[in-house]
Amino acid sequence: MDNFLTVSDAAVQIGVSPDTIRRWDKKGLIKGQRSYLNYRLFNLEEVQRIHNKVKGAASVSKYKILKSTTKTQYTAIELFAGAGGTALGFENAGIKHKMLLEIDKAAVATLKQNQPGWNILQEDIRNFNFSKMKADVVEGGFPCQAFSFAGKKLGFEDARGTLFYEFARCIKEVRPKIAMGENVRGLLTHDNGRTLQVILKVLRDLGYKVAYKILRSQYLDVPQKRERLVILAVRNDLNLPILFPKEKDYTVSMREALANCPESKGQEYPQKKKDILKLIPQGGYWRNLPEQLQKEYMGASFYMGGGKTGMARRLSWDEPSLTLTCAPAQKQTERCHPEETRPLRVREYARVQTFPDDWEFAGSVSSQYKQIGNAVPVNLGYHVGKCIIAMLNNQPDLETMEVVEPITEQAGLF
């Protein structure tokens, strides 16, 4: 493992204490790996990247909504469109949409309010016929559902009853050049990894070469430690590479993201929770409370395993946000403002997800939080969109993209 060091060696190289590196690891700013001797190893470049950010090496704000000045003629169909994070990212990259499909009324209202020129349909995907549609790309964040393995061949027909089946059916009927699916990191281990293996097999059976990668938003111009599993599939008759974005050598902090953020509505904490969170320092969580208050606040969870680092959590100005959830005031998923004792407001949520300030969200405040929390960050969608354009052009930009070989075997599936 080239360039991977133990915590002590990395600390000497960077000039910080080993405890500092352990703290960054616990916060999710960096990710260690286990060696065969069970030592925790860290990538030196990644540790240096965070050190530079913490000590303020970047004097100019890195926060911006990425947008290409070049448009293409490539077209996309988006399924499970939500509030439009991926769709806006793709459009900013230069891809036009033929259609967006979404069932949620508030999310559809959000899309129509912001993009009246888009072809937006509110409909259940299970009732939609795609056979007369054509597009270069089909993409969507299908919900993750388990498959039954008993006596099954685990092919396309066996996925019936799941929303992934509808995603695959669209691909089968449209026959796009490229398909892109995204999901939470947990899909890697869902049903002991078998769900992902079936998904990859179905796409291969439909005539596509497939690869996947976990993309870390915090290194792709998003002020948030949000990880998404992205699957890319290329039709077998096309000699096109599979490209994923390379991580940047910087992160974007909450301070950069929330600078001059417009005022907006937001939830508030109950007084009891507010009194607790007032005691939490910037970047801290329930472990920073006196032990008696820890026990009172955590209840039975205090005695259970796991770090539970998201509970009673105050964000830090100098770091990316934790992954946003659908309810910033809910216990176990608190996202307290770095300085004020309150949840992030709706517009602050949108900033962290890299939606532009003029992208308005329809529905109740709780619905707006849900729409934003469920979205793919716009800038992440932009980076994937740029990769898809480069794939369709067969012109990889190896400075900003990496070629990933398609998966040819799925050991242990049967």
Protein backbone atom coordinates (compact mmCIF):
# COMPACT_ATOMS: atom_id res chain seq x y z
CA MET A 1 0.00 0.00 0.00
CA ASP A 2 2.15 2.81 -1.36
CA ASN A 3 2.01 6.10 0.52
CA PHE A 4 0.08 4.59 3.44
CA LEU A 5 1.59 5.13 6.88
CA THR A 6 0.80 4.23 10.47
CA VAL A 7 -0.76 6.95 12.58
CA SER A 8 2.59 7.65 14.27
CA ASP A 9 4.55 7.86 11.02
CA ALA A 10 1.91 10.04 9.37
CA ALA A 11 1.92 12.35 12.40
CA VAL A 12 5.71 12.80 12.14
CA GLN A 13 5.51 13.49 8.38
CA ILE A 14 2.77 16.12 8.74
CA GLY A 15 3.93 17.62 12.03
CA VAL A 16 0.85 16.95 14.16
CA SER A 17 0.13 14.61 17.07
CA PRO A 18 -1.13 11.05 16.51
CA ASP A 19 -4.24 12.00 18.50
CA THR A 20 -4.99 14.73 15.96
CA ILE A 21 -4.97 12.18 13.13
CA ARG A 22 -7.14 9.81 15.18
CA ARG A 23 -9.59 12.67 15.77
CA TRP A 24 -9.77 13.42 12.03
CA ASP A 25 -10.41 9.75 11.41
CA LYS A 26 -13.20 9.63 14.01
CA LYS A 27 -14.83 12.71 12.46
CA GLY A 28 -14.79 11.14 9.01
CA LEU A 29 -12.40 13.70 7.54
CA ILE A 30 -10.02 10.92 6.58
CA LYS A 31 -10.45 7.17 6.33
CA GLY A 32 -7.93 4.69 7.62
CA GLN A 33 -7.40 1.16 6.36
CA ARG A 34 -6.42 -1.97 8.24
CA SER A 35 -3.12 -3.64 7.40
CA TYR A 36 -2.67 -7.39 7.52
CA LEU A 37 -1.16 -6.89 10.99
CA ASN A 38 -4.33 -5.00 11.98
CA TYR A 39 -2.54 -1.65 12.15
CA ARG A 40 -4.58 1.34 11.05
CA LEU A 41 -2.93 2.97 8.02
CA PHE A 42 -3.55 6.41 6.53
CA ASN A 43 -2.91 7.87 3.09
CA LEU A 44 -0.28 10.58 3.52
CA GLU A 45 -1.71 12.80 0.76
CA GLU A 46 -5.17 12.69 2.32
CA VAL A 47 -3.82 13.55 5.77
CA GLN A 48 -1.83 16.45 4.28
CA ARG A 49 -4.95 17.67 2.48
CA ILE A 50 -6.91 17.93 5.73
CA HIS A 51 -3.98 19.48 7.57
CA ASN A 52 -3.75 22.20 4.93
CA LYS A 53 -7.45 22.93 5.28
CA VAL A 54 -7.40 23.03 9.08
CA LYS A 55 -4.44 25.39 9.26
CA GLY A 56 -6.01 27.65 6.62
CA ALA A 57 -3.68 27.03 3.69
CA ALA A 58 -6.49 27.88 1.28
CA SER A 59 -7.10 31.61 1.64
CA VAL A 60 -9.59 31.85 -1.26
CA SER A 61 -13.00 30.25 -0.84
CA LYS A 62 -13.44 27.05 -2.86
CA TYR A 63 -17.22 27.13 -2.60
CA LYS A 64 -18.99 27.55 -5.93
CA ILE A 65 -21.72 25.95 -8.02
CA LEU A 66 -19.86 24.30 -10.89
CA LYS A 67 -21.23 25.04 -14.35
CA SER A 68 -19.78 24.42 -17.78
CA THR A 69 -20.10 27.06 -20.49
CA THR A 70 -20.18 24.30 -23.12
CA LYS A 71 -23.43 22.49 -23.87
CA THR A 72 -23.65 19.16 -25.67
CA GLN A 73 -26.36 17.45 -27.71
CA TYR A 74 -26.38 14.46 -25.36
CA THR A 75 -29.72 13.68 -23.76
CA ALA A 76 -30.80 11.99 -20.54
CA ILE A 77 -33.86 10.44 -18.95
CA GLU A 78 -33.88 10.81 -15.18
CA LEU A 79 -35.84 8.48 -12.93
CA PHE A 80 -36.61 9.10 -9.23
CA ALA A 81 -35.67 12.72 -9.89
CA GLY A 82 -36.43 14.08 -6.40
CA ALA A 83 -35.66 17.78 -5.97
CA GLY A 84 -33.26 17.77 -8.93
CA GLY A 85 -29.73 17.48 -7.50
CA THR A 86 -28.44 15.05 -10.13
CA ALA A 87 -30.49 16.60 -12.93
CA LEU A 88 -29.19 20.11 -12.25
CA GLY A 89 -25.64 18.77 -11.95
CA PHE A 90 -25.98 17.01 -15.31
CA GLU A 91 -27.42 20.13 -16.94
CA ASN A 92 -24.59 22.24 -15.47
CA ALA A 93 -22.17 19.74 -17.02
CA GLY A 94 -23.81 20.14 -20.44
CA ILE A 95 -26.37 17.29 -20.72
CA LYS A 96 -29.97 18.01 -21.77
CA HIS A 97 -32.95 16.19 -20.25
CA LYS A 98 -35.65 14.57 -22.33
CA MET A 99 -37.72 13.70 -19.29
CA LEU A 100 -37.67 13.60 -15.50
CA LEU A 101 -39.94 11.17 -13.65
CA GLU A 102 -40.87 11.61 -9.98
CA ILE A 103 -43.83 10.46 -7.88
CA ASP A 104 -43.59 12.84 -4.92
CA LYS A 105 -45.92 15.83 -5.31
CA ALA A 106 -43.74 18.35 -3.45
CA ALA A 107 -40.57 17.32 -5.32
CA VAL A 108 -42.38 17.64 -8.66
CA ALA A 109 -43.58 21.10 -7.63
CA THR A 110 -39.96 22.01 -6.81
CA LEU A 111 -38.76 20.84 -10.23
CA LYS A 112 -41.52 22.64 -12.15
CA GLN A 113 -41.03 25.86 -10.19
CA ASN A 114 -37.30 25.97 -10.93
CA GLN A 115 -37.22 24.47 -14.42
CA PRO A 116 -40.48 25.17 -16.24
CA GLY A 117 -38.79 24.23 -19.50
CA TRP A 118 -38.02 20.67 -18.39
CA ASN A 119 -40.34 17.78 -19.29
CA ILE A 120 -41.31 16.77 -15.75
CA LEU A 121 -43.86 14.01 -15.13
CA GLN A 122 -45.44 13.10 -11.81
CA GLU A 123 -46.12 9.42 -12.20
CA ASP A 124 -45.46 6.01 -10.69
CA ILE A 125 -42.60 4.49 -12.68
CA ARG A 126 -44.35 1.11 -12.55
CA ASN A 127 -47.08 2.48 -14.82
CA PHE A 128 -44.81 4.12 -17.39
CA ASN A 129 -43.93 2.69 -20.80
CA PHE A 130 -40.46 3.73 -22.01
CA SER A 131 -40.40 1.67 -25.22
CA LYS A 132 -40.92 4.66 -27.53
CA MET A 133 -38.30 6.83 -25.84
CA LYS A 134 -34.66 7.31 -26.82
CA ALA A 135 -31.84 9.00 -24.92
CA ASP A 136 -28.07 8.76 -24.62
CA VAL A 137 -28.24 8.32 -20.84
CA VAL A 138 -30.66 6.80 -18.35
CA GLU A 139 -29.93 7.68 -14.76
CA GLY A 140 -31.59 7.50 -11.38
CA GLY A 141 -31.17 6.88 -7.68
CA PHE A 142 -33.34 3.80 -7.29
CA PRO A 143 -34.27 2.80 -3.71
CA CYS A 144 -32.31 -0.12 -2.32
CA GLN A 145 -34.40 -3.27 -1.82
CA ALA A 146 -33.39 -6.86 -1.10
CA PHE A 147 -34.10 -9.71 -3.50
CA SER A 148 -35.34 -13.18 -2.66
CA PHE A 149 -32.62 -15.74 -3.35
CA ALA A 150 -34.59 -18.95 -2.77
CA GLY A 151 -34.62 -21.04 -5.96
CA LYS A 152 -33.94 -18.03 -8.17
CA LYS A 153 -31.66 -17.50 -11.14
CA LEU A 154 -31.19 -13.93 -9.95
CA GLY A 155 -31.68 -12.32 -13.32
CA PHE A 156 -33.84 -9.50 -14.66
CA GLU A 157 -37.20 -11.18 -14.05
CA ASP A 158 -36.24 -12.06 -10.48
CA ALA A 159 -35.94 -8.36 -9.67
CA ARG A 160 -39.71 -7.88 -10.20
CA GLY A 161 -41.46 -6.05 -7.41
CA THR A 162 -38.45 -3.83 -6.69
CA LEU A 163 -37.87 -0.32 -7.97
CA PHE A 164 -34.51 -1.45 -9.30
CA TYR A 165 -36.48 -3.69 -11.67
CA GLU A 166 -38.24 -0.58 -13.02
CA PHE A 167 -34.88 1.16 -13.43
CA ALA A 168 -33.58 -1.90 -15.32
CA ARG A 169 -36.79 -2.11 -17.38
CA CYS A 170 -36.27 1.48 -18.53
CA ILE A 171 -32.73 0.58 -19.62
CA LYS A 172 -34.04 -2.50 -21.45
CA GLU A 173 -36.69 -0.48 -23.30
CA VAL A 174 -34.64 2.66 -24.06
CA ARG A 175 -31.26 0.99 -24.71
CA PRO A 176 -29.22 4.09 -23.78
CA LYS A 177 -25.52 4.24 -24.50
CA ILE A 178 -24.80 4.75 -20.81
CA ALA A 179 -26.78 4.05 -17.64
CA MET A 180 -25.95 5.58 -14.29
CA GLY A 181 -27.39 4.45 -10.97
CA GLU A 182 -26.61 5.86 -7.55
CA ASN A 183 -27.33 4.80 -4.02
CA VAL A 184 -26.09 5.03 -0.46
CA ARG A 185 -22.80 3.45 0.54
CA GLY A 186 -24.79 0.84 2.47
CA LEU A 187 -25.71 -0.87 -0.81
CA LEU A 188 -22.20 -2.38 -0.72
CA THR A 189 -23.17 -4.51 2.28
CA HIS A 190 -26.96 -4.68 1.84
CA ASP A 191 -28.04 -8.29 2.37
CA ASN A 192 -24.37 -9.22 2.81
CA GLY A 193 -23.48 -7.66 -0.54
CA ARG A 194 -25.80 -9.90 -2.54
CA THR A 195 -28.19 -7.10 -3.54
CA LEU A 196 -25.37 -5.22 -5.29
CA GLN A 197 -24.18 -8.38 -7.00
CA VAL A 198 -27.64 -9.03 -8.41
CA ILE A 199 -27.87 -5.42 -9.63
CA LEU A 200 -24.54 -5.75 -11.45
CA LYS A 201 -25.53 -9.11 -12.93
CA VAL A 202 -28.85 -7.77 -14.23
CA LEU A 203 -27.11 -4.86 -15.95
CA ARG A 204 -24.57 -7.20 -17.51
CA ASP A 205 -27.35 -9.53 -18.67
CA LEU A 206 -29.04 -6.54 -20.33
CA GLY A 207 -25.91 -6.12 -22.45
CA TYR A 208 -23.82 -3.61 -20.51
CA LYS A 209 -20.32 -3.59 -19.09
CA VAL A 210 -20.47 -2.27 -15.55
CA ALA A 211 -18.28 -0.69 -12.86
CA TYR A 212 -18.99 1.05 -9.59
CA LYS A 213 -17.18 3.31 -7.15
CA ILE A 214 -17.82 5.05 -3.85
CA LEU A 215 -17.58 8.79 -4.48
CA ARG A 216 -16.68 11.00 -1.52
CA SER A 217 -18.41 14.33 -1.94
CA GLN A 218 -16.07 16.20 0.39
CA TYR A 219 -13.29 15.82 -2.19
CA LEU A 220 -15.53 16.76 -5.13
CA ASP A 221 -16.40 20.39 -4.40
CA VAL A 222 -19.15 19.62 -1.88
CA PRO A 223 -18.90 20.93 1.74
CA GLN A 224 -20.18 17.65 3.12
CA LYS A 225 -18.84 14.23 4.14
CA ARG A 226 -21.39 12.45 1.98
CA GLU A 227 -20.58 9.19 0.24
CA ARG A 228 -22.57 7.84 -2.70
CA LEU A 229 -22.17 4.56 -4.53
CA VAL A 230 -22.29 5.30 -8.26
CA ILE A 231 -22.76 2.56 -10.86
CA LEU A 232 -21.88 3.26 -14.50
CA ALA A 233 -22.87 0.91 -17.33
CA VAL A 234 -21.82 1.15 -21.00
CA ARG A 235 -23.63 -0.73 -23.78
CA ASN A 236 -21.51 -3.64 -24.98
CA ASP A 237 -21.52 -2.64 -28.64
CA LEU A 238 -19.78 0.63 -27.82
CA ASN A 239 -16.03 0.87 -27.32
CA LEU A 240 -16.22 3.52 -24.60
CA PRO A 241 -14.23 3.83 -21.36
CA ILE A 242 -15.84 3.90 -17.91
CA LEU A 243 -14.75 7.08 -16.13
CA PHE A 244 -15.15 8.30 -12.56
CA PRO A 245 -14.09 11.69 -11.19
CA LYS A 246 -10.75 11.95 -9.42
CA GLU A 247 -10.77 13.43 -5.93
CA LYS A 248 -9.53 17.00 -5.55
CA ASP A 249 -6.62 17.96 -3.31
CA TYR A 250 -8.84 20.20 -1.16
CA THR A 251 -12.10 20.24 0.77
CA VAL A 252 -14.72 22.97 1.20
CA SER A 253 -15.54 24.06 4.75
CA MET A 254 -18.83 25.08 6.34
CA ARG A 255 -17.45 28.60 6.72
CA GLU A 256 -16.94 28.83 2.96
CA ALA A 257 -20.32 27.26 2.21
CA LEU A 258 -22.44 29.41 4.53
CA ALA A 259 -20.82 32.79 3.84
CA ASN A 260 -23.56 35.35 3.09
CA CYS A 261 -26.22 32.63 3.07
CA PRO A 262 -29.73 34.03 2.56
CA GLU A 263 -32.15 33.94 5.49
CA SER A 264 -34.78 31.20 5.44
CA LYS A 265 -37.15 29.15 7.54
CA GLY A 266 -35.97 26.22 9.61
CA GLN A 267 -36.75 23.93 12.48
CA GLU A 268 -35.94 24.69 16.11
CA TYR A 269 -34.81 22.48 18.98
CA PRO A 270 -37.06 21.78 21.97
CA GLN A 271 -35.76 23.70 24.98
CA LYS A 272 -34.37 20.59 26.67
CA LYS A 273 -32.30 19.66 23.63
CA LYS A 274 -31.23 23.27 23.16
CA ASP A 275 -29.92 23.38 26.73
CA ILE A 276 -27.84 20.27 26.01
CA LEU A 277 -26.47 21.47 22.67
CA LYS A 278 -25.43 24.80 24.18
CA LEU A 279 -22.81 22.79 26.09
CA ILE A 280 -21.36 21.14 22.97
CA PRO A 281 -18.26 22.83 21.49
CA GLN A 282 -17.75 23.36 17.79
CA GLY A 283 -17.11 20.00 16.13
CA GLY A 284 -18.11 18.16 19.31
CA TYR A 285 -20.86 15.72 20.22
CA TRP A 286 -22.45 14.04 23.23
CA ARG A 287 -19.10 12.77 24.54
CA ASN A 288 -18.22 16.39 25.35
CA LEU A 289 -20.96 16.54 27.98
CA PRO A 290 -20.36 15.80 31.68
CA GLU A 291 -20.88 12.08 32.26
CA GLN A 292 -24.15 12.48 34.16
CA LEU A 293 -25.62 14.55 31.32
CA GLN A 294 -24.33 11.98 28.82
CA LYS A 295 -26.32 9.29 30.59
CA GLU A 296 -29.44 11.44 30.88
CA TYR A 297 -29.39 12.53 27.25
CA MET A 298 -28.42 9.21 25.70
CA GLY A 299 -30.56 6.96 27.88
CA ALA A 300 -30.11 3.27 27.05
CA SER A 301 -27.91 4.20 24.05
CA PHE A 302 -25.19 5.28 26.50
CA TYR A 303 -24.53 1.64 27.38
CA MET A 304 -24.62 0.32 23.84
CA GLY A 305 -21.66 -0.15 21.49
CA GLY A 306 -20.67 2.11 18.63
CA GLY A 307 -19.44 5.69 18.61
CA LYS A 308 -22.85 7.29 17.94
CA THR A 309 -20.90 10.35 16.80
CA GLY A 310 -23.89 11.89 15.05
CA MET A 311 -25.83 12.38 18.27
CA ALA A 312 -25.88 15.87 19.85
CA ARG A 313 -23.42 16.90 17.13
CA ARG A 314 -22.39 20.49 16.52
CA LEU A 315 -20.81 21.12 13.14
CA SER A 316 -17.45 22.85 12.69
CA TRP A 317 -16.77 26.01 10.69
CA ASP A 318 -13.46 24.66 9.42
CA GLU A 319 -14.68 21.25 8.20
CA PRO A 320 -17.21 19.95 5.70
CA SER A 321 -20.61 19.14 7.20
CA LEU A 322 -21.62 15.68 8.30
CA THR A 323 -23.93 13.96 5.81
CA LEU A 324 -27.21 15.84 5.83
CA THR A 325 -30.27 13.87 6.86
CA CYS A 326 -33.97 14.43 6.21
CA ALA A 327 -34.57 15.91 9.69
CA PRO A 328 -31.80 18.06 11.22
CA ALA A 329 -33.44 18.34 14.64
CA GLN A 330 -34.18 14.64 15.11
CA LYS A 331 -32.29 12.78 17.84
CA GLN A 332 -29.34 10.74 16.56
CA THR A 333 -29.04 12.94 13.46
CA GLU A 334 -28.62 16.43 14.93
CA ARG A 335 -26.92 18.90 12.62
CA CYS A 336 -26.40 21.89 14.91
CA HIS A 337 -25.10 25.15 13.46
CA PRO A 338 -21.38 25.65 14.22
CA GLU A 339 -21.98 28.78 16.27
CA GLU A 340 -25.67 29.26 16.98
CA THR A 341 -27.62 26.63 18.92
CA ARG A 342 -30.11 25.66 16.26
CA PRO A 343 -30.42 23.25 13.33
CA LEU A 344 -29.21 24.38 9.93
CA ARG A 345 -31.88 26.38 8.10
CA VAL A 346 -33.37 25.28 4.77
CA ARG A 347 -31.13 27.56 2.68
CA GLU A 348 -28.08 26.46 4.66
CA TYR A 349 -29.05 22.87 3.93
CA ALA A 350 -29.30 23.77 0.26
CA ARG A 351 -25.87 25.46 0.33
CA VAL A 352 -24.30 22.31 1.79
CA GLN A 353 -25.89 20.29 -1.04
CA THR A 354 -24.58 22.89 -3.55
CA PHE A 355 -28.01 23.96 -4.78
CA PRO A 356 -27.92 27.56 -6.03
CA ASP A 357 -29.59 30.19 -3.86
CA ASP A 358 -32.33 30.76 -6.43
CA TRP A 359 -33.39 27.09 -6.40
CA GLU A 360 -36.62 27.23 -4.39
CA PHE A 361 -38.15 24.24 -2.63
CA ALA A 362 -41.91 23.60 -2.53
CA GLY A 363 -43.99 22.14 0.27
CA SER A 364 -43.76 22.35 4.06
CA VAL A 365 -40.49 23.06 5.86
CA SER A 366 -40.18 19.40 6.82
CA SER A 367 -40.77 18.40 3.18
CA GLN A 368 -38.10 20.86 2.04
CA TYR A 369 -35.58 19.37 4.47
CA LYS A 370 -36.50 15.90 3.21
CA GLN A 371 -36.10 16.88 -0.44
CA ILE A 372 -32.71 18.45 0.18
CA GLY A 373 -31.51 15.68 2.50
CA ASN A 374 -32.40 12.99 -0.06
CA ALA A 375 -30.75 14.78 -2.99
CA VAL A 376 -27.48 14.03 -4.68
CA PRO A 377 -25.25 17.10 -4.24
CA VAL A 378 -25.44 19.22 -7.39
CA ASN A 379 -21.66 19.47 -7.73
CA LEU A 380 -21.31 15.71 -7.40
CA GLY A 381 -23.85 15.34 -10.22
CA TYR A 382 -21.79 17.82 -12.24
CA HIS A 383 -18.59 15.80 -11.86
CA VAL A 384 -20.31 12.55 -12.83
CA GLY A 385 -22.00 14.33 -15.74
CA LYS A 386 -18.63 15.57 -17.03
CA CYS A 387 -17.33 12.00 -16.86
CA ILE A 388 -20.33 10.72 -18.83
CA ILE A 389 -19.77 13.38 -21.51
CA ALA A 390 -16.11 12.36 -21.74
CA MET A 391 -17.20 8.71 -22.00
CA LEU A 392 -19.64 9.50 -24.83
CA ASN A 393 -16.94 11.53 -26.60
CA ASN A 394 -14.40 8.78 -25.93
CA GLN A 395 -12.06 11.51 -24.72
CA PRO A 396 -11.00 10.87 -21.11
CA ASP A 397 -9.51 13.81 -19.23
CA LEU A 398 -6.98 11.86 -17.22
CA GLU A 399 -6.13 14.86 -15.06
CA THR A 400 -9.62 14.98 -13.57
CA MET A 401 -10.92 11.47 -14.30
CA GLU A 402 -9.84 7.89 -13.80
CA VAL A 403 -10.53 4.90 -16.01
CA VAL A 404 -12.14 2.00 -14.15
CA GLU A 405 -12.17 -1.46 -15.66
CA PRO A 406 -15.58 -3.16 -15.93
CA ILE A 407 -16.45 -5.97 -13.56
CA THR A 408 -16.24 -9.30 -15.35
CA GLU A 409 -16.82 -11.74 -12.48
CA GLN A 410 -19.08 -11.85 -9.46
CA ALA A 411 -17.64 -14.56 -7.31
CA GLY A 412 -19.88 -16.12 -4.72
CA LEU A 413 -23.18 -14.98 -6.23
CA PHE A 414 -24.56 -18.47 -6.64
